[in-house]
Amino acid sequence: MKERYDAIIVGAGPGGSSTACALAARGFHVLLVDRETFPRDKTCGDGIAPRAVHALYRLDLREELQGRFKRTEGIRFYATRGGLTEVRYPMGSRYPDHGYVVPRRDLDHILLERARSLGAEVMQGCRVTGVLPLRGGRVPGVAAEYRGEKLELEGRFIVGADGPSSLIGKELGLLRDDPLYLGVSVRCYMTGVRGISDFLEIYPEDAISPSCGWIFPVDDTTANVGVGFMLYARRKRKINLNRVFEDFTLRTRHAAAKLREAEPLDRLRGAQLRVGLGGAVSRHLNVLLVGDAASLTNPISGEGITYALESGRWAGETLAAAMHSGDEDILDNYPRILDWYYRRYFYLGTLAIRYGNNPYFVNPLLFTTSRIPQLGDKMGRFLMNCRRSDYPP
């Protein structure tokens, strides 16, 4: 393994594979590394929003998705005393008029194989243990273990796409452990869920406030069921995540009626969320962070696949421009791109979830949007970050 790559990408989730696709398609020598062997399970809600669908279709994955996975037509919001608000895609935006629910076991494998088909080299089952010492003011590569052998993998550029607890980010001091930008969630797959529809269902119900629950349809009898909340809420109110999930399935007004007779298909699995752009620094020297590692999860919806796919493409395009020109100052454009597309929205979203995620706000809001569809569409566009004036990036 003395070979030197144009880019080493650590983490083969949506962000890492998207970066690899962007670089490999331009002819660069890319190594995509992941400690797991694919296909593998990943804790996630599995909801693919219209903005993410657009990004996946850009990667020529339309045929991989259509007819194979559950297609969704919109979102339903249930409030304990505020009624039901139904929002149909595309909510007046220019994004696709549908979404999907794709288990991450399948989605990430599809993306990995797409990167491989474009020419990226893939090392599965390879655990990155740290970054190599600085050499000439650059990070020359990463240290790794592969099949019992210790390796030093060298690359001109390094991309950390290794999730909210990014080893690359930690090693370089790029992560900020501020509770304002950290959340947690748990989910499991359940069968026997009543009334499964073609909608993503979101439940900000009183019994689990300030947490929020979801029921996302995987097929006609199975759903991805979970709850999540921000860390500052847990520290303030001493919330137990497993107890919140139990309350969601048994004590909520709307969700419990669908879940009381449902049976879990696997154990409850948890995950950390790094949200709102404020939990990480996205560029340092010759290193870029993408997706969850760059704190790009939506602070309102908890959805990160869209932002992993988009940031991965922009990271790949920025790196390609830097290598073509020989000017590494071009890497400064990457955080500027993230700021341009996300900073204001994530700032407003962080405020909204911090001060508006309570029954005194949620119930009147959903009562109003259930009766005024135009306001419901506006709320849906805000949640999905699909404004009417936006042209898909």
Protein backbone atom coordinates (compact mmCIF):
# COMPACT_ATOMS: atom_id res chain seq x y z
CA MET A 1 0.00 0.00 0.00
CA LYS A 2 2.72 2.49 -0.96
CA GLU A 3 0.42 3.95 -3.61
CA ARG A 4 -0.46 7.63 -3.24
CA TYR A 5 -3.97 8.74 -4.06
CA ASP A 6 -5.38 12.04 -5.22
CA ALA A 7 -7.94 11.78 -2.43
CA ILE A 8 -8.60 9.42 0.44
CA ILE A 9 -12.21 9.45 1.61
CA VAL A 10 -12.88 8.03 5.05
CA GLY A 11 -16.46 6.76 5.36
CA ALA A 12 -18.58 5.24 2.59
CA GLY A 13 -21.99 6.59 3.56
CA PRO A 14 -23.89 8.99 1.26
CA GLY A 15 -21.40 11.83 1.82
CA GLY A 16 -18.29 9.77 1.18
CA SER A 17 -19.69 7.94 -1.83
CA SER A 18 -21.00 11.19 -3.31
CA THR A 19 -17.54 12.74 -2.98
CA ALA A 20 -15.96 9.66 -4.54
CA CYS A 21 -18.42 9.78 -7.45
CA ALA A 22 -17.66 13.45 -8.15
CA LEU A 23 -13.89 12.85 -8.17
CA ALA A 24 -13.79 9.46 -9.90
CA ALA A 25 -16.06 10.70 -12.69
CA ARG A 26 -13.42 13.37 -13.40
CA GLY A 27 -10.66 10.81 -13.63
CA PHE A 28 -8.99 11.26 -10.25
CA HIS A 29 -7.38 8.41 -8.32
CA VAL A 30 -9.70 7.99 -5.32
CA LEU A 31 -9.63 5.58 -2.38
CA LEU A 32 -12.90 5.12 -0.48
CA VAL A 33 -12.35 3.50 2.92
CA ASP A 34 -14.89 2.16 5.42
CA ARG A 35 -14.52 0.00 8.52
CA GLU A 36 -17.68 -1.95 7.69
CA THR A 37 -18.32 -4.47 4.93
CA PHE A 38 -21.29 -3.57 2.74
CA PRO A 39 -24.17 -4.05 2.74
CA ARG A 40 -24.42 -3.10 6.40
CA ASP A 41 -27.13 -1.66 8.62
CA LYS A 42 -27.08 2.00 9.68
CA THR A 43 -29.26 3.74 12.25
CA CYS A 44 -31.39 6.25 10.37
CA GLY A 45 -34.99 7.18 9.67
CA ASP A 46 -34.47 6.06 6.04
CA GLY A 47 -36.64 8.86 4.64
CA ILE A 48 -35.43 10.22 1.29
CA ALA A 49 -36.85 13.71 0.80
CA PRO A 50 -37.47 15.23 -2.67
CA ARG A 51 -34.24 17.24 -2.43
CA ALA A 52 -32.29 14.04 -1.79
CA VAL A 53 -34.17 12.30 -4.62
CA HIS A 54 -32.93 15.05 -6.94
CA ALA A 55 -29.34 14.45 -5.79
CA LEU A 56 -29.68 10.69 -6.30
CA TYR A 57 -31.14 11.13 -9.77
CA ARG A 58 -28.14 13.35 -10.62
CA LEU A 59 -26.02 10.27 -9.89
CA ASP A 60 -28.07 8.28 -12.44
CA LEU A 61 -29.68 6.13 -9.77
CA ARG A 62 -33.29 6.58 -10.86
CA GLU A 63 -33.61 2.98 -12.06
CA GLU A 64 -32.08 1.69 -8.80
CA LEU A 65 -34.86 3.36 -6.80
CA GLN A 66 -38.03 3.31 -8.88
CA GLY A 67 -40.22 0.29 -8.26
CA ARG A 68 -37.83 -1.20 -5.72
CA PHE A 69 -38.45 0.97 -2.64
CA LYS A 70 -41.47 2.55 -1.02
CA ARG A 71 -42.40 5.78 -2.78
CA THR A 72 -43.81 8.56 -0.60
CA GLU A 73 -46.17 11.31 -1.67
CA GLY A 74 -45.70 13.78 1.18
CA ILE A 75 -45.65 14.34 4.93
CA ARG A 76 -48.29 14.13 7.66
CA PHE A 77 -47.85 16.01 10.92
CA TYR A 78 -49.83 14.87 13.97
CA ALA A 79 -50.24 17.07 17.04
CA THR A 80 -52.04 15.89 20.17
CA ARG A 81 -54.49 18.79 20.20
CA GLY A 82 -53.70 20.39 16.88
CA GLY A 83 -55.08 17.81 14.50
CA LEU A 84 -53.51 16.50 11.30
CA THR A 85 -51.71 18.52 8.63
CA GLU A 86 -51.07 16.76 5.33
CA VAL A 87 -48.54 18.19 2.91
CA ARG A 88 -48.05 16.72 -0.55
CA TYR A 89 -44.82 16.98 -2.54
CA PRO A 90 -43.50 19.04 -4.22
CA MET A 91 -45.25 21.78 -2.17
CA GLY A 92 -44.87 24.24 -5.04
CA SER A 93 -41.10 23.76 -5.26
CA ARG A 94 -39.06 22.67 -8.28
CA TYR A 95 -37.91 19.44 -6.67
CA PRO A 96 -39.34 15.99 -7.57
CA ASP A 97 -42.95 15.33 -6.60
CA HIS A 98 -42.06 12.24 -4.56
CA GLY A 99 -39.70 10.78 -2.01
CA TYR A 100 -38.70 7.26 -0.96
CA VAL A 101 -38.05 5.23 2.15
CA VAL A 102 -34.84 3.32 1.51
CA PRO A 103 -33.18 1.38 4.35
CA ARG A 104 -29.60 2.55 4.71
CA ARG A 105 -28.41 -1.02 4.28
CA ASP A 106 -29.58 -0.72 0.67
CA LEU A 107 -29.01 2.97 -0.03
CA ASP A 108 -25.40 3.07 1.10
CA HIS A 109 -24.56 -0.10 -0.83
CA ILE A 110 -26.12 1.34 -3.99
CA LEU A 111 -24.06 4.52 -3.62
CA LEU A 112 -20.86 2.60 -2.88
CA GLU A 113 -21.29 0.50 -6.02
CA ARG A 114 -21.99 3.64 -8.04
CA ALA A 115 -18.70 5.13 -6.85
CA ARG A 116 -16.91 1.89 -7.69
CA SER A 117 -18.46 1.79 -11.17
CA LEU A 118 -17.09 5.29 -11.85
CA GLY A 119 -13.58 4.17 -10.97
CA ALA A 120 -13.16 4.73 -7.24
CA GLU A 121 -11.06 2.16 -5.41
CA VAL A 122 -12.90 0.75 -2.38
CA MET A 123 -11.45 -0.78 0.79
CA GLN A 124 -14.14 -2.30 3.00
CA GLY A 125 -13.42 -3.66 6.45
CA CYS A 126 -10.56 -1.17 6.81
CA ARG A 127 -10.53 0.72 10.11
CA VAL A 128 -8.90 4.14 10.07
CA THR A 129 -7.13 4.69 13.41
CA GLY A 130 -5.86 8.26 12.98
CA VAL A 131 -4.27 10.82 10.70
CA LEU A 132 -0.55 10.75 9.89
CA PRO A 133 1.66 13.46 11.45
CA LEU A 134 1.76 16.75 9.56
CA ARG A 135 4.31 16.93 6.79
CA GLY A 136 5.04 20.28 5.15
CA GLY A 137 1.94 21.82 6.68
CA ARG A 138 -0.32 19.11 5.28
CA VAL A 139 -2.03 15.95 6.46
CA PRO A 140 -0.27 13.35 4.29
CA GLY A 141 -2.71 10.53 4.90
CA VAL A 142 -4.29 8.23 7.44
CA ALA A 143 -3.20 5.28 9.54
CA ALA A 144 -5.39 2.20 9.21
CA GLU A 145 -5.74 -1.46 10.09
CA TYR A 146 -6.79 -3.91 7.39
CA ARG A 147 -7.02 -7.67 7.90
CA GLY A 148 -4.67 -7.50 10.87
CA GLU A 149 -2.08 -5.39 9.05
CA LYS A 150 -1.22 -1.79 9.95
CA LEU A 151 -1.17 0.53 6.95
CA GLU A 152 -0.29 4.11 6.10
CA LEU A 153 -2.52 5.35 3.30
CA GLU A 154 -1.25 8.52 1.67
CA GLY A 155 -3.27 11.01 -0.33
CA ARG A 156 -2.99 14.54 -1.63
CA PHE A 157 -6.32 15.38 0.01
CA ILE A 158 -8.28 13.80 2.82
CA VAL A 159 -12.08 13.81 3.17
CA GLY A 160 -13.73 13.00 6.48
CA ALA A 161 -17.12 11.46 5.75
CA ASP A 162 -17.12 9.31 8.86
CA GLY A 163 -20.24 10.52 10.64
CA PRO A 164 -21.09 12.78 13.58
CA SER A 165 -18.32 11.31 15.75
CA SER A 166 -15.80 11.71 12.93
CA LEU A 167 -12.36 10.40 13.83
CA ILE A 168 -10.83 12.70 11.21
CA GLY A 169 -12.63 15.68 12.73
CA LYS A 170 -11.62 14.75 16.27
CA GLU A 171 -7.97 14.16 15.39
CA LEU A 172 -7.73 17.61 13.83
CA GLY A 173 -9.82 19.42 16.45
CA LEU A 174 -12.59 20.28 13.99
CA LEU A 175 -15.59 19.11 16.07
CA ARG A 176 -17.42 21.30 18.57
CA ASP A 177 -19.24 19.46 21.32
CA ASP A 178 -21.87 22.16 21.87
CA PRO A 179 -25.26 20.67 22.97
CA LEU A 180 -26.97 23.27 20.76
CA TYR A 181 -25.74 21.31 17.74
CA LEU A 182 -25.99 17.75 19.04
CA GLY A 183 -28.98 15.43 19.12
CA VAL A 184 -29.75 11.76 19.66
CA SER A 185 -32.29 9.36 18.22
CA VAL A 186 -33.35 5.73 18.42
CA ARG A 187 -35.26 3.63 15.94
CA CYS A 188 -36.29 0.09 15.11
CA TYR A 189 -38.22 -1.60 12.33
CA MET A 190 -41.71 -2.73 13.35
CA THR A 191 -44.26 -4.96 11.65
CA GLY A 192 -48.00 -4.92 12.17
CA VAL A 193 -48.19 -1.12 12.19
CA ARG A 194 -51.77 -0.02 11.56
CA GLY A 195 -52.69 2.36 8.78
CA ILE A 196 -49.39 2.44 6.91
CA SER A 197 -49.67 5.03 4.17
CA ASP A 198 -47.57 6.57 1.40
CA PHE A 199 -46.63 9.49 3.67
CA LEU A 200 -43.81 10.17 6.08
CA GLU A 201 -45.56 10.63 9.42
CA ILE A 202 -44.13 12.98 12.06
CA TYR A 203 -45.45 13.15 15.62
CA PRO A 204 -44.50 16.13 17.84
CA GLU A 205 -46.98 14.88 20.47
CA ASP A 206 -47.43 16.17 24.00
CA ALA A 207 -46.59 12.85 25.67
CA ILE A 208 -43.04 12.91 24.32
CA SER A 209 -42.34 16.66 24.11
CA PRO A 210 -39.70 18.07 23.57
CA SER A 211 -38.92 14.90 21.63
CA CYS A 212 -40.45 14.13 18.25
CA GLY A 213 -41.42 10.75 16.84
CA TRP A 214 -41.79 9.34 13.36
CA ILE A 215 -43.37 6.44 11.49
CA PHE A 216 -41.91 6.00 8.00
CA PRO A 217 -43.35 3.27 5.74
CA VAL A 218 -40.89 0.66 4.50
CA ASP A 219 -43.55 -1.52 2.85
CA ASP A 220 -47.24 -2.28 3.32
CA THR A 221 -46.74 -3.91 6.74
CA THR A 222 -43.39 -2.59 8.01
CA ALA A 223 -42.31 0.84 9.22
CA ASN A 224 -39.20 2.56 10.50
CA VAL A 225 -40.27 3.88 13.92
CA GLY A 226 -38.20 6.21 16.07
CA VAL A 227 -37.86 9.25 18.32
CA GLY A 228 -35.21 11.92 18.73
CA PHE A 229 -34.38 15.12 20.59
CA MET A 230 -31.59 17.62 21.15
CA LEU A 231 -28.99 17.04 23.86
CA TYR A 232 -29.69 20.31 25.64
CA ALA A 233 -33.26 19.11 26.22
CA ARG A 234 -32.06 15.86 27.76
CA ARG A 235 -29.63 17.61 30.06
CA LYS A 236 -32.23 20.11 31.18
CA ARG A 237 -35.08 17.66 31.72
CA LYS A 238 -33.16 14.41 32.32
CA ILE A 239 -34.93 12.60 29.49
CA ASN A 240 -34.41 8.86 29.07
CA LEU A 241 -34.38 7.98 25.37
CA ASN A 242 -35.67 4.42 25.76
CA ARG A 243 -38.51 5.65 27.97
CA VAL A 244 -39.43 8.26 25.38
CA PHE A 245 -39.67 5.53 22.75
CA GLU A 246 -41.90 3.51 25.08
CA ASP A 247 -44.11 6.55 25.66
CA PHE A 248 -44.28 7.10 21.91
CA THR A 249 -45.53 3.57 21.25
CA LEU A 250 -47.93 3.38 24.21
CA ARG A 251 -49.01 6.81 25.46
CA THR A 252 -49.28 9.19 22.54
CA ARG A 253 -52.71 10.06 21.20
CA HIS A 254 -52.13 9.36 17.52
CA ALA A 255 -49.00 7.21 17.18
CA ALA A 256 -49.85 4.72 19.94
CA ALA A 257 -53.08 3.76 18.18
CA LYS A 258 -50.96 2.57 15.25
CA LEU A 259 -48.16 0.98 17.25
CA ARG A 260 -49.71 -0.81 20.25
CA GLU A 261 -50.04 -4.12 18.43
CA ALA A 262 -46.89 -3.76 16.33
CA GLU A 263 -43.90 -6.03 16.91
CA PRO A 264 -40.24 -4.97 16.64
CA LEU A 265 -38.19 -6.76 13.99
CA ASP A 266 -34.86 -5.80 15.52
CA ARG A 267 -33.45 -4.21 18.64
CA LEU A 268 -33.70 -0.52 19.35
CA ARG A 269 -30.66 1.22 17.86
CA GLY A 270 -29.38 4.69 18.72
CA ALA A 271 -27.41 7.33 16.87
CA GLN A 272 -25.91 10.74 17.51
CA LEU A 273 -26.84 13.72 15.36
CA ARG A 274 -24.56 16.67 14.62
CA VAL A 275 -26.78 19.43 13.29
CA GLY A 276 -27.07 23.00 12.10
CA LEU A 277 -23.58 23.57 10.61
CA GLY A 278 -22.31 24.92 13.94
CA GLY A 279 -20.93 21.67 15.30
CA ALA A 280 -17.85 21.38 13.08
CA VAL A 281 -15.29 23.22 10.96
CA SER A 282 -15.58 21.93 7.41
CA ARG A 283 -12.10 22.76 6.05
CA HIS A 284 -8.61 22.55 7.58
CA LEU A 285 -5.39 22.50 5.54
CA ASN A 286 -5.91 19.82 2.86
CA VAL A 287 -8.82 18.16 4.71
CA LEU A 288 -12.55 18.60 4.09
CA LEU A 289 -15.44 17.26 6.15
CA VAL A 290 -18.75 16.32 4.54
CA GLY A 291 -22.20 15.23 5.67
CA ASP A 292 -22.73 14.42 9.33
CA ALA A 293 -19.04 14.98 10.08
CA ALA A 294 -19.48 18.59 8.94
CA SER A 295 -22.56 19.06 11.16
CA LEU A 296 -24.89 19.16 8.17
CA THR A 297 -27.97 17.42 9.58
CA ASN A 298 -31.17 19.45 9.33
CA PRO A 299 -31.85 20.75 12.89
CA ILE A 300 -35.63 20.66 12.39
CA SER A 301 -36.25 17.34 10.67
CA GLY A 302 -33.11 15.46 11.70
CA GLU A 303 -32.62 14.53 8.04
CA GLY A 304 -29.03 14.29 6.87
CA ILE A 305 -29.01 12.31 3.63
CA THR A 306 -29.78 15.37 1.48
CA TYR A 307 -26.91 17.35 2.94
CA ALA A 308 -24.48 14.45 2.80
CA LEU A 309 -25.16 13.96 -0.90
CA GLU A 310 -24.95 17.66 -1.72
CA SER A 311 -21.88 18.44 0.40
CA GLY A 312 -20.13 15.37 -0.97
CA ARG A 313 -20.65 16.55 -4.54
CA TRP A 314 -19.48 20.08 -3.71
CA ALA A 315 -16.43 18.75 -1.86
CA GLY A 316 -15.55 16.60 -4.87
CA GLU A 317 -16.02 19.46 -7.32
CA THR A 318 -13.95 21.81 -5.14
CA LEU A 319 -11.13 19.29 -4.81
CA ALA A 320 -11.21 18.65 -8.56
CA ALA A 321 -10.92 22.39 -9.26
CA ALA A 322 -8.01 22.69 -6.83
CA MET A 323 -6.16 19.78 -8.43
CA HIS A 324 -6.81 20.96 -11.99
CA SER A 325 -5.55 24.47 -11.21
CA GLY A 326 -2.82 23.57 -8.72
CA ASP A 327 -4.23 26.25 -6.41
CA GLU A 328 -5.22 24.82 -3.04
CA ASP A 329 -6.65 28.15 -1.92
CA ILE A 330 -9.69 27.07 -3.94
CA LEU A 331 -10.54 24.82 -0.99
CA ASP A 332 -11.65 27.97 0.85
CA ASN A 333 -14.64 27.96 -1.50
CA TYR A 334 -16.03 24.80 0.07
CA PRO A 335 -17.09 26.30 3.44
CA ARG A 336 -18.34 29.34 1.53
CA ILE A 337 -20.59 27.09 -0.55
CA LEU A 338 -21.97 25.47 2.59
CA ASP A 339 -22.58 28.88 4.14
CA TRP A 340 -24.30 30.13 0.98
CA TYR A 341 -26.73 27.23 0.79
CA TYR A 342 -27.26 26.35 4.44
CA ARG A 343 -26.15 28.99 6.96
CA ARG A 344 -29.31 31.09 7.15
CA TYR A 345 -31.68 28.13 6.93
CA PHE A 346 -29.85 26.16 9.61
CA TYR A 347 -29.71 29.23 11.85
CA LEU A 348 -33.48 29.69 11.61
CA GLY A 349 -34.02 25.97 12.05
CA THR A 350 -31.87 25.87 15.17
CA LEU A 351 -33.90 28.72 16.67
CA ALA A 352 -37.20 27.12 15.65
CA ILE A 353 -36.45 23.75 17.24
CA ARG A 354 -35.03 25.32 20.40
CA TYR A 355 -37.84 27.75 21.14
CA GLY A 356 -40.79 26.33 19.22
CA ASN A 357 -40.60 22.61 20.00
CA ASN A 358 -43.24 22.57 22.75
CA PRO A 359 -46.99 21.89 22.92
CA TYR A 360 -47.83 25.57 23.39
CA PHE A 361 -46.41 26.32 19.95
CA VAL A 362 -46.85 23.04 18.04
CA ASN A 363 -50.55 22.48 18.76
CA PRO A 364 -51.76 25.94 17.62
CA LEU A 365 -49.43 25.81 14.61
CA LEU A 366 -50.74 22.46 13.37
CA PHE A 367 -54.31 23.45 14.20
CA THR A 368 -53.86 26.42 11.85
CA THR A 369 -52.00 24.59 9.08
CA SER A 370 -54.56 21.77 9.11
CA ARG A 371 -57.18 24.30 8.10
CA ILE A 372 -55.13 26.48 5.75
CA PRO A 373 -53.36 24.23 3.19
CA GLN A 374 -51.19 27.07 1.85
CA LEU A 375 -49.64 27.50 5.28
CA GLY A 376 -49.16 23.75 5.50
CA ASP A 377 -47.22 23.85 2.23
CA LYS A 378 -45.04 26.65 3.56
CA MET A 379 -44.34 24.66 6.71
CA GLY A 380 -43.49 21.57 4.65
CA ARG A 381 -41.11 23.52 2.42
CA PHE A 382 -39.41 24.96 5.48
CA LEU A 383 -39.02 21.53 7.06
CA MET A 384 -37.65 20.00 3.85
CA ASN A 385 -35.60 23.08 2.88
CA CYS A 386 -37.37 23.21 -0.49
CA ARG A 387 -38.30 26.84 -1.00
CA ARG A 388 -40.52 27.75 -3.91
CA SER A 389 -37.88 30.06 -5.43
CA ASP A 390 -35.02 27.56 -5.21
CA TYR A 391 -33.47 25.95 -8.25
CA PRO A 392 -32.22 22.48 -7.30
CA PRO A 393 -28.45 22.67 -6.77
